[in-house]
Protein backbone atom coordinates (compact mmCIF):
# COMPACT_ATOMS: atom_id res chain seq x y z
CA MET A 1 39.63 65.67 100.41
CA THR A 2 37.36 68.24 102.04
CA ILE A 3 33.88 67.75 102.77
CA VAL A 4 31.39 70.51 102.22
CA PHE A 5 28.00 70.48 103.87
CA PRO A 6 26.38 73.46 102.08
CA ARG A 7 23.61 75.52 104.21
CA HIS A 8 21.38 76.57 101.00
CA GLN A 9 20.60 75.09 97.73
CA ASP A 10 22.65 77.74 95.99
CA SER A 11 25.48 76.52 97.50
CA PHE A 12 25.45 73.40 95.73
CA ALA A 13 25.35 75.22 92.63
CA ALA A 14 28.65 76.87 93.66
CA LEU A 15 30.08 73.66 94.75
CA ALA A 16 29.03 72.14 91.29
CA ALA A 17 30.56 74.96 89.22
CA GLU A 18 33.78 74.90 91.38
CA LEU A 19 34.03 70.94 90.82
CA ARG A 20 33.36 71.56 86.72
CA ARG A 21 36.38 73.99 86.98
CA LEU A 22 38.47 71.65 88.60
CA ALA A 23 37.62 68.50 86.36
CA ASP A 24 37.62 70.91 83.36
CA ASP A 25 41.71 71.67 83.92
CA LEU A 26 42.43 68.31 85.13
CA ASP A 27 41.07 67.13 81.73
CA ARG A 28 43.51 69.72 79.93
CA LEU A 29 45.88 68.25 81.84
CA ALA A 30 45.32 64.89 81.21
CA ALA A 31 45.41 66.03 77.37
CA SER A 32 48.39 67.94 77.07
CA GLY A 33 50.56 67.32 80.36
CA ARG A 34 50.67 71.45 81.14
CA PRO A 35 48.12 74.17 81.85
CA SER A 36 47.36 76.42 78.66
CA PRO A 37 48.98 80.13 78.90
CA ALA A 38 45.73 81.24 79.55
CA ASP A 39 45.42 79.15 82.88
CA LEU A 40 48.68 80.67 84.23
CA ALA A 41 48.28 84.52 82.79
CA GLY A 42 46.05 85.75 85.97
CA ALA A 43 47.46 82.99 88.39
CA PRO A 44 48.70 84.28 91.74
CA VAL A 45 52.44 83.58 91.92
CA LEU A 46 53.61 81.55 94.75
CA SER A 47 57.34 81.68 96.17
CA ASN A 48 59.25 80.15 99.16
CA VAL A 49 57.22 77.03 98.26
CA ARG A 50 56.95 74.28 100.77
CA MET A 51 54.68 71.45 101.00
CA GLY A 52 52.11 71.60 103.60
CA SER A 53 49.21 69.52 105.10
CA ASN A 54 46.38 70.98 106.56
CA PRO A 55 44.53 68.26 106.69
CA ASN A 56 45.26 67.14 103.00
CA PRO A 57 48.37 67.70 100.95
CA GLY A 58 48.56 71.50 99.70
CA LEU A 59 51.53 74.14 99.20
CA ARG A 60 52.71 76.76 101.71
CA GLY A 61 54.11 80.08 100.32
CA THR A 62 54.51 83.96 99.87
CA VAL A 63 51.57 85.10 97.61
CA ILE A 64 51.52 87.82 95.13
CA GLY A 65 48.34 88.58 92.69
CA HIS A 66 45.95 86.54 94.85
CA PRO A 67 42.62 87.85 94.34
CA ASP A 68 41.54 87.87 98.14
CA VAL A 69 45.10 88.00 99.56
CA PRO A 70 47.40 90.80 99.83
CA ASP A 71 50.48 90.62 98.03
CA GLY A 72 53.49 89.47 100.28
CA ASP A 73 51.14 87.09 102.66
CA TYR A 74 52.11 83.87 103.77
CA VAL A 75 49.17 81.62 102.66
CA GLU A 76 48.45 77.62 102.81
CA THR A 77 46.55 76.73 99.67
CA THR A 78 43.65 74.76 99.39
CA ASP A 79 43.99 70.96 98.40
CA LEU A 80 46.41 69.93 95.95
CA TYR A 81 45.37 68.36 92.62
CA ALA A 82 48.28 68.67 90.20
CA VAL A 83 51.67 70.14 90.36
CA ASP A 84 54.51 70.27 87.51
CA PRO A 85 57.33 67.74 88.36
CA GLU A 86 59.45 70.61 87.49
CA GLY A 87 58.00 73.07 89.75
CA ARG A 88 56.58 75.65 87.43
CA TRP A 89 52.95 75.18 87.94
CA ALA A 90 50.47 73.77 90.43
CA ARG A 91 46.68 73.59 90.49
CA THR A 92 44.94 73.49 93.88
CA TRP A 93 41.00 72.99 94.55
CA SER A 94 40.56 76.68 94.05
CA ARG A 95 42.90 77.66 91.24
CA TRP A 96 46.09 77.60 89.10
CA TYR A 97 49.53 78.91 90.92
CA ALA A 98 52.56 79.87 88.86
CA LEU A 99 55.67 78.60 91.25
CA GLY A 100 58.53 81.27 91.87
CA GLU A 101 61.42 80.01 94.05
CA HIS A 102 61.56 77.23 96.37
CA ALA A 103 62.05 77.24 100.15
CA PRO A 104 65.35 75.31 100.85
CA PRO A 105 64.44 71.85 102.25
CA LEU A 106 63.96 71.49 106.01
CA ARG A 107 66.59 69.84 107.62
CA ARG A 108 66.38 67.45 110.11
CA ARG A 109 67.77 68.12 113.60
CA ARG A 110 70.53 65.29 114.55
CA GLN A 111 69.05 63.54 117.38
CA PRO A 112 71.82 63.39 120.54
């Protein structure tokens, strides 16, 4: 979990709104088991997906359609809160992602 120390009182309102969006999305997942079509309609697509941890679990991959990142850039998402067991979508701290292709698993080097 990320710890935030807002500098201004307005920052608390923004943080509360973001937490409400996340909680509402998790409530819908608890009720239906999946995001609505509207949730994923504008979601960025993350391809070449791998698990990351910087410092908390997140995803890494190439993004298309992100509001703040150019298409094709490699990103590490904010903290991961929910992920489809079949690998079609994920909900991070800040947004939904539609998941594209997955990167092949890393192979562990053999010890001599």
